[in-house]
Every structure is written in structure tokens, then in C-alpha cells.
Amino acid sequence: MPACTLLWCDSLHDAQLLRRFWLMAFDSGLPPVHWIVRVDPRGEKSLRWEAGAAAAAAAAVDDVGRHRCKHVNLVEKSNVKGEIEFLFAPFSVFTVVSINVPPKPTASNPIVIVLQASTDNRDEPDNLPVSPWN
């Protein structure tokens, strides 16, 4: 069942930085969690928001753009050096695909939760439950 988040939800793609966050969680007594957020792969080849007449013409035939996630942004400026993250808007809709909880989660063997991001929050019902991780 899909659920929405109340807060901004960010995701990283730098494995070394992820391991640092898992270690910080573990050292603080919290279970480290590796969140994997999937988006529709058909959106990868979408129009890259180029300006001009050529882009407008390409948009007219771009059938893939409708598969691009509408409520996520790439953020390249951060308080953490080298961090580049994808930031999902509040009330973004995710569906849990899988959860793997090791017997003893550690920084090198975290809990793994795989989520599927909705392509467009506007296509989702307004009465979804709030996710338990908020």
C-alpha cells in the first residue's frame, strides 16, 4: 500500500558518503538503514528541459517525459562536502517494495528498505496514510 511522507526526503548516490551516515547512526545507537528509492526507468531518457525551438519540437514527440518523477529535484549544494542528493518534496508518495532486516544491523550490514517513488503525486489518492518512518 502506498504511503506519503510529511517531510522533505533526500537520497544520496555516493556510496562512501552513505557508509559515513550508516556509521554515524550506528555510533549513535540507531540502526543504520540503507534506503533505496526506485523511479520509473523509462523516465531516464526524457527530454532534459532544454530551451529553444529544437527542444520544443523534441517535446512534441517526447513520449518518455510522462514517466519522469515530477516531485524530485537534484540538489548539488549542501552543508556536507561532496554531497549531491535527490530531494523529494513533502507528501511524496512511495510504495514499499521490500525490507531486509539482518539479525544484527551494523554500519557494514544495514537494514535495507526498497521504495518505489510515484511518478506524479497528483495521480495518487489524497487519503493515503502517512509513512511510519516520519
N, C-alpha and C. Protein backbone atom coordinates (compact mmCIF):
# COMPACT_ATOMS: atom_id res chain seq x y z
N MET A 1 0.84 -1.17 0.00
CA MET A 1 0.00 0.00 0.00
C MET A 1 0.89 1.24 0.00
N PRO A 2 0.62 2.20 -0.86
CA PRO A 2 1.40 3.44 -0.87
C PRO A 2 1.18 4.24 0.41
N ALA A 3 2.16 5.07 0.73
CA ALA A 3 2.07 5.99 1.86
C ALA A 3 2.80 7.26 1.47
N CYS A 4 2.48 8.35 2.16
CA CYS A 4 3.14 9.61 1.84
C CYS A 4 4.03 10.03 3.01
N THR A 5 4.99 10.90 2.71
CA THR A 5 5.89 11.42 3.73
C THR A 5 5.49 12.85 4.06
N LEU A 6 5.64 13.25 5.31
CA LEU A 6 5.31 14.62 5.71
C LEU A 6 6.47 15.58 5.48
N LEU A 7 7.68 15.07 5.49
CA LEU A 7 8.86 15.91 5.44
C LEU A 7 9.56 15.80 4.10
N TRP A 8 10.53 16.69 3.87
CA TRP A 8 11.40 16.55 2.71
C TRP A 8 12.14 15.23 2.87
N CYS A 9 12.33 14.53 1.80
CA CYS A 9 13.01 13.24 1.83
C CYS A 9 14.17 13.31 0.85
N ASP A 10 15.39 13.16 1.36
CA ASP A 10 16.53 13.24 0.46
C ASP A 10 17.17 11.88 0.28
N SER A 11 17.87 11.73 -0.84
CA SER A 11 18.56 10.48 -1.12
C SER A 11 19.90 10.80 -1.77
N LEU A 12 20.88 10.01 -1.44
CA LEU A 12 22.24 10.18 -1.96
C LEU A 12 22.55 9.09 -2.96
N HIS A 13 23.56 9.35 -3.77
CA HIS A 13 24.01 8.28 -4.66
C HIS A 13 25.49 8.00 -4.50
N ASP A 14 26.13 8.58 -3.48
CA ASP A 14 27.55 8.39 -3.21
C ASP A 14 27.71 7.31 -2.13
N ALA A 15 28.22 6.14 -2.52
CA ALA A 15 28.31 5.00 -1.60
C ALA A 15 29.20 5.30 -0.40
N GLN A 16 30.29 6.01 -0.60
CA GLN A 16 31.20 6.33 0.51
C GLN A 16 30.50 7.22 1.54
N LEU A 17 29.76 8.21 1.05
CA LEU A 17 29.03 9.10 1.95
C LEU A 17 27.91 8.35 2.68
N LEU A 18 27.25 7.43 1.98
CA LEU A 18 26.22 6.61 2.62
C LEU A 18 26.81 5.83 3.79
N ARG A 19 27.97 5.22 3.57
CA ARG A 19 28.61 4.45 4.64
C ARG A 19 28.92 5.33 5.85
N ARG A 20 29.31 6.59 5.59
CA ARG A 20 29.58 7.52 6.70
C ARG A 20 28.32 7.75 7.52
N PHE A 21 27.18 7.95 6.83
CA PHE A 21 25.92 8.17 7.53
C PHE A 21 25.50 6.91 8.31
N TRP A 22 25.71 5.73 7.73
CA TRP A 22 25.38 4.49 8.44
C TRP A 22 26.23 4.37 9.70
N LEU A 23 27.51 4.72 9.60
CA LEU A 23 28.41 4.64 10.76
C LEU A 23 27.99 5.64 11.83
N MET A 24 27.61 6.86 11.42
CA MET A 24 27.13 7.87 12.39
C MET A 24 25.89 7.36 13.11
N ALA A 25 24.96 6.75 12.38
CA ALA A 25 23.74 6.21 13.00
C ALA A 25 24.11 5.10 13.98
N PHE A 26 24.95 4.18 13.54
CA PHE A 26 25.34 3.04 14.38
C PHE A 26 26.05 3.52 15.65
N ASP A 27 26.98 4.48 15.49
CA ASP A 27 27.71 5.01 16.65
C ASP A 27 26.79 5.76 17.61
N SER A 28 25.64 6.23 17.12
CA SER A 28 24.67 6.93 17.97
C SER A 28 23.66 5.96 18.60
N GLY A 29 23.81 4.68 18.33
CA GLY A 29 22.90 3.70 18.90
C GLY A 29 21.65 3.46 18.06
N LEU A 30 21.62 4.02 16.87
CA LEU A 30 20.46 3.85 15.97
C LEU A 30 20.78 2.78 14.93
N PRO A 31 19.77 2.05 14.47
CA PRO A 31 20.04 1.06 13.43
C PRO A 31 20.30 1.77 12.10
N PRO A 32 21.40 1.46 11.42
CA PRO A 32 21.65 2.07 10.11
C PRO A 32 20.68 1.50 9.08
N VAL A 33 20.16 2.37 8.23
CA VAL A 33 19.19 1.96 7.22
C VAL A 33 19.65 2.43 5.85
N HIS A 34 19.70 1.52 4.91
CA HIS A 34 20.00 1.84 3.52
C HIS A 34 18.67 1.92 2.77
N TRP A 35 18.26 3.14 2.46
CA TRP A 35 17.03 3.36 1.72
C TRP A 35 17.37 3.36 0.24
N ILE A 36 16.67 2.57 -0.54
CA ILE A 36 16.84 2.56 -1.99
C ILE A 36 15.52 3.04 -2.58
N VAL A 37 15.58 4.14 -3.32
CA VAL A 37 14.37 4.70 -3.92
C VAL A 37 14.43 4.46 -5.42
N ARG A 38 13.47 3.73 -5.91
CA ARG A 38 13.39 3.46 -7.35
C ARG A 38 12.41 4.43 -8.00
N VAL A 39 12.73 4.82 -9.21
CA VAL A 39 11.83 5.63 -10.03
C VAL A 39 11.61 4.88 -11.34
N ASP A 40 10.62 5.27 -12.09
CA ASP A 40 10.32 4.62 -13.37
C ASP A 40 11.52 4.78 -14.30
N PRO A 41 12.18 3.68 -14.70
CA PRO A 41 13.37 3.79 -15.54
C PRO A 41 13.08 4.36 -16.93
N ARG A 42 11.83 4.33 -17.36
CA ARG A 42 11.50 4.90 -18.67
C ARG A 42 11.71 6.40 -18.71
N GLY A 43 11.75 7.05 -17.54
CA GLY A 43 11.96 8.50 -17.48
C GLY A 43 13.40 8.92 -17.66
N GLU A 44 14.33 7.97 -17.63
CA GLU A 44 15.75 8.30 -17.71
C GLU A 44 16.12 8.98 -19.02
N LYS A 45 15.49 8.61 -20.10
CA LYS A 45 15.83 9.16 -21.41
C LYS A 45 14.93 10.34 -21.79
N SER A 46 14.25 10.92 -20.82
CA SER A 46 13.33 12.02 -21.08
C SER A 46 14.06 13.27 -21.54
N LEU A 47 13.31 14.15 -22.12
CA LEU A 47 13.82 15.46 -22.52
C LEU A 47 14.46 16.13 -21.32
N ARG A 48 15.62 16.72 -21.50
CA ARG A 48 16.38 17.28 -20.39
C ARG A 48 16.08 18.76 -20.16
N TRP A 49 14.88 19.19 -20.41
CA TRP A 49 14.43 20.57 -20.15
C TRP A 49 15.30 21.60 -20.85
N GLU A 50 15.63 21.35 -22.13
CA GLU A 50 16.43 22.29 -22.90
C GLU A 50 15.54 23.38 -23.45
N ALA A 51 16.11 24.57 -23.60
CA ALA A 51 15.35 25.72 -24.12
C ALA A 51 15.50 25.80 -25.64
N GLY A 52 14.59 26.51 -26.26
CA GLY A 52 14.72 26.78 -27.68
C GLY A 52 13.73 26.02 -28.53
N ALA A 53 13.72 26.37 -29.82
CA ALA A 53 12.78 25.78 -30.77
C ALA A 53 13.03 24.29 -30.95
N ALA A 54 14.29 23.87 -30.95
CA ALA A 54 14.60 22.45 -31.14
C ALA A 54 14.04 21.63 -29.98
N ALA A 55 14.15 22.18 -28.78
CA ALA A 55 13.63 21.47 -27.61
C ALA A 55 12.12 21.38 -27.67
N ALA A 56 11.47 22.46 -28.11
CA ALA A 56 10.01 22.46 -28.22
C ALA A 56 9.56 21.41 -29.22
N ALA A 57 10.29 21.30 -30.33
CA ALA A 57 9.95 20.29 -31.34
C ALA A 57 10.16 18.89 -30.78
N ALA A 58 11.25 18.71 -30.03
CA ALA A 58 11.53 17.40 -29.44
C ALA A 58 10.46 17.04 -28.41
N ALA A 59 10.00 18.05 -27.66
CA ALA A 59 8.98 17.81 -26.64
C ALA A 59 7.68 17.33 -27.26
N ALA A 60 7.41 17.77 -28.46
CA ALA A 60 6.18 17.37 -29.12
C ALA A 60 6.16 15.87 -29.41
N VAL A 61 7.33 15.29 -29.61
CA VAL A 61 7.39 13.86 -29.90
C VAL A 61 7.92 13.05 -28.73
N ASP A 62 8.24 13.71 -27.61
CA ASP A 62 8.80 13.03 -26.44
C ASP A 62 7.69 12.35 -25.66
N ASP A 63 7.56 11.05 -25.84
CA ASP A 63 6.55 10.30 -25.12
C ASP A 63 7.07 9.81 -23.77
N VAL A 64 8.39 9.92 -23.56
CA VAL A 64 9.00 9.38 -22.36
C VAL A 64 8.88 10.35 -21.18
N GLY A 65 8.77 11.65 -21.44
CA GLY A 65 8.72 12.65 -20.39
C GLY A 65 7.64 12.40 -19.36
N ARG A 66 6.59 11.76 -19.75
CA ARG A 66 5.49 11.49 -18.81
C ARG A 66 5.88 10.46 -17.75
N HIS A 67 7.00 9.77 -17.95
CA HIS A 67 7.46 8.76 -16.99
C HIS A 67 8.47 9.33 -15.99
N ARG A 68 8.81 10.59 -16.14
CA ARG A 68 9.79 11.21 -15.25
C ARG A 68 9.14 11.59 -13.93
N CYS A 69 9.81 11.34 -12.82
CA CYS A 69 9.28 11.67 -11.50
C CYS A 69 9.11 13.18 -11.39
N LYS A 70 7.92 13.63 -11.05
CA LYS A 70 7.57 15.06 -11.07
C LYS A 70 7.87 15.79 -9.76
N HIS A 71 8.19 15.08 -8.68
CA HIS A 71 8.32 15.73 -7.37
C HIS A 71 9.68 15.46 -6.72
N VAL A 72 10.71 15.38 -7.55
CA VAL A 72 12.08 15.21 -7.04
C VAL A 72 13.00 16.18 -7.77
N ASN A 73 13.96 16.70 -7.03
CA ASN A 73 14.94 17.64 -7.61
C ASN A 73 16.35 17.20 -7.24
N LEU A 74 17.28 17.46 -8.15
CA LEU A 74 18.68 17.21 -7.87
C LEU A 74 19.26 18.44 -7.19
N VAL A 75 19.85 18.24 -6.00
CA VAL A 75 20.44 19.33 -5.23
C VAL A 75 21.95 19.10 -5.19
N GLU A 76 22.69 20.06 -5.71
CA GLU A 76 24.13 19.91 -5.76
C GLU A 76 24.86 20.74 -4.71
N LYS A 77 24.14 21.63 -4.01
CA LYS A 77 24.75 22.42 -2.94
C LYS A 77 24.27 21.89 -1.61
N SER A 78 25.22 21.65 -0.71
CA SER A 78 24.88 21.03 0.57
C SER A 78 25.84 21.50 1.65
N ASN A 79 25.46 21.28 2.89
CA ASN A 79 26.36 21.56 4.01
C ASN A 79 27.40 20.46 4.19
N VAL A 80 27.22 19.34 3.50
CA VAL A 80 28.16 18.23 3.57
C VAL A 80 28.99 18.24 2.29
N LYS A 81 30.30 18.39 2.43
CA LYS A 81 31.19 18.48 1.27
C LYS A 81 31.05 17.24 0.38
N GLY A 82 30.87 17.47 -0.90
CA GLY A 82 30.78 16.39 -1.87
C GLY A 82 29.42 15.74 -1.97
N GLU A 83 28.46 16.20 -1.17
CA GLU A 83 27.14 15.57 -1.18
C GLU A 83 26.31 16.11 -2.35
N ILE A 84 25.79 15.20 -3.13
CA ILE A 84 24.81 15.52 -4.18
C ILE A 84 23.63 14.62 -3.87
N GLU A 85 22.45 15.22 -3.76
CA GLU A 85 21.30 14.42 -3.34
C GLU A 85 20.08 14.71 -4.20
N PHE A 86 19.19 13.75 -4.21
CA PHE A 86 17.90 13.91 -4.84
C PHE A 86 16.91 14.19 -3.72
N LEU A 87 16.20 15.29 -3.82
CA LEU A 87 15.30 15.74 -2.75
C LEU A 87 13.85 15.59 -3.20
N PHE A 88 13.11 14.74 -2.49
CA PHE A 88 11.69 14.53 -2.77
C PHE A 88 10.87 15.50 -1.94
N ALA A 89 9.85 16.08 -2.53
CA ALA A 89 9.00 17.06 -1.86
C ALA A 89 8.19 16.42 -0.74
N PRO A 90 7.78 17.23 0.27
CA PRO A 90 6.88 16.71 1.30
C PRO A 90 5.61 16.13 0.67
N PHE A 91 5.08 15.14 1.30
CA PHE A 91 3.89 14.41 0.84
C PHE A 91 4.14 13.62 -0.43
N SER A 92 5.42 13.33 -0.73
CA SER A 92 5.72 12.44 -1.84
C SER A 92 5.21 11.04 -1.51
N VAL A 93 4.76 10.36 -2.54
CA VAL A 93 4.17 9.03 -2.35
C VAL A 93 5.18 7.95 -2.73
N PHE A 94 5.35 6.99 -1.81
CA PHE A 94 6.23 5.85 -2.01
C PHE A 94 5.48 4.57 -1.67
N THR A 95 5.87 3.49 -2.34
CA THR A 95 5.35 2.16 -2.01
C THR A 95 6.54 1.31 -1.59
N VAL A 96 6.42 0.62 -0.47
CA VAL A 96 7.49 -0.26 -0.01
C VAL A 96 7.53 -1.49 -0.92
N VAL A 97 8.69 -1.73 -1.52
CA VAL A 97 8.89 -2.90 -2.38
C VAL A 97 9.41 -4.08 -1.57
N SER A 98 10.41 -3.80 -0.72
CA SER A 98 10.97 -4.87 0.11
C SER A 98 11.69 -4.30 1.32
N ILE A 99 11.84 -5.14 2.34
CA ILE A 99 12.57 -4.79 3.55
C ILE A 99 13.42 -6.00 3.92
N ASN A 100 14.71 -5.75 4.17
CA ASN A 100 15.60 -6.81 4.61
C ASN A 100 16.26 -6.35 5.91
N VAL A 101 15.93 -7.04 6.99
CA VAL A 101 16.48 -6.69 8.30
C VAL A 101 17.44 -7.80 8.73
N PRO A 102 18.75 -7.51 8.75
CA PRO A 102 19.69 -8.53 9.20
C PRO A 102 19.52 -8.79 10.70
N PRO A 103 19.97 -9.95 11.19
CA PRO A 103 19.83 -10.26 12.62
C PRO A 103 20.44 -9.19 13.52
N LYS A 104 21.60 -8.65 13.15
CA LYS A 104 22.26 -7.59 13.91
C LYS A 104 22.69 -6.51 12.93
N PRO A 105 21.85 -5.50 12.66
CA PRO A 105 22.25 -4.44 11.73
C PRO A 105 23.49 -3.71 12.23
N THR A 106 24.42 -3.49 11.32
CA THR A 106 25.64 -2.75 11.62
C THR A 106 25.89 -1.74 10.50
N ALA A 107 26.92 -0.92 10.67
CA ALA A 107 27.25 0.07 9.63
C ALA A 107 27.67 -0.61 8.34
N SER A 108 28.20 -1.83 8.43
CA SER A 108 28.59 -2.54 7.21
C SER A 108 27.51 -3.52 6.73
N ASN A 109 26.46 -3.69 7.52
CA ASN A 109 25.35 -4.57 7.15
C ASN A 109 24.04 -3.94 7.63
N PRO A 110 23.63 -2.83 6.96
CA PRO A 110 22.45 -2.09 7.43
C PRO A 110 21.14 -2.76 7.04
N ILE A 111 20.07 -2.28 7.64
CA ILE A 111 18.73 -2.63 7.19
C ILE A 111 18.58 -2.05 5.78
N VAL A 112 17.96 -2.80 4.87
CA VAL A 112 17.76 -2.32 3.50
C VAL A 112 16.27 -2.23 3.23
N ILE A 113 15.82 -1.03 2.89
CA ILE A 113 14.41 -0.80 2.55
C ILE A 113 14.35 -0.25 1.13
N VAL A 114 13.62 -0.94 0.27
CA VAL A 114 13.48 -0.51 -1.13
C VAL A 114 12.09 0.10 -1.32
N LEU A 115 12.08 1.33 -1.84
CA LEU A 115 10.83 2.05 -2.09
C LEU A 115 10.67 2.32 -3.58
N GLN A 116 9.43 2.35 -4.03
CA GLN A 116 9.12 2.79 -5.39
C GLN A 116 8.46 4.16 -5.28
N ALA A 117 9.07 5.17 -5.89
CA ALA A 117 8.50 6.52 -5.88
C ALA A 117 7.39 6.62 -6.91
N SER A 118 6.34 7.27 -6.54
CA SER A 118 5.27 7.56 -7.50
C SER A 118 5.83 8.47 -8.58
N THR A 119 5.36 8.33 -9.80
CA THR A 119 5.83 9.21 -10.87
C THR A 119 5.25 10.60 -10.72
N ASP A 120 4.00 10.70 -10.28
CA ASP A 120 3.37 12.00 -10.11
C ASP A 120 2.41 11.92 -8.92
N ASN A 121 2.73 12.68 -7.87
CA ASN A 121 1.89 12.67 -6.67
C ASN A 121 0.43 13.04 -6.97
N ARG A 122 0.23 13.83 -8.01
CA ARG A 122 -1.15 14.25 -8.34
C ARG A 122 -2.02 13.10 -8.81
N ASP A 123 -1.37 12.00 -9.21
CA ASP A 123 -2.12 10.82 -9.66
C ASP A 123 -2.50 9.89 -8.51
N GLU A 124 -2.07 10.22 -7.30
CA GLU A 124 -2.30 9.36 -6.14
C GLU A 124 -3.50 9.86 -5.34
N PRO A 125 -4.16 8.95 -4.60
CA PRO A 125 -5.30 9.37 -3.77
C PRO A 125 -4.87 10.36 -2.68
N ASP A 126 -5.78 11.23 -2.29
CA ASP A 126 -5.49 12.23 -1.25
C ASP A 126 -5.55 11.66 0.16
N ASN A 127 -6.09 10.47 0.33
CA ASN A 127 -6.29 9.93 1.67
C ASN A 127 -5.30 8.83 2.04
N LEU A 128 -4.10 8.87 1.48
CA LEU A 128 -3.10 7.85 1.81
C LEU A 128 -2.60 8.03 3.24
N PRO A 129 -2.21 6.94 3.89
CA PRO A 129 -1.66 7.08 5.25
C PRO A 129 -0.28 7.74 5.21
N VAL A 130 0.11 8.31 6.33
CA VAL A 130 1.44 8.88 6.46
C VAL A 130 2.40 7.73 6.78
N SER A 131 3.56 7.76 6.19
CA SER A 131 4.52 6.68 6.38
C SER A 131 4.94 6.54 7.84
N PRO A 132 5.24 5.33 8.26
CA PRO A 132 5.65 5.13 9.66
C PRO A 132 7.03 5.66 9.97
N TRP A 133 7.84 5.99 8.96
CA TRP A 133 9.19 6.49 9.23
C TRP A 133 9.22 7.98 9.45
N ASN A 134 8.07 8.65 9.52
CA ASN A 134 8.02 10.07 9.84
C ASN A 134 7.87 10.27 11.34
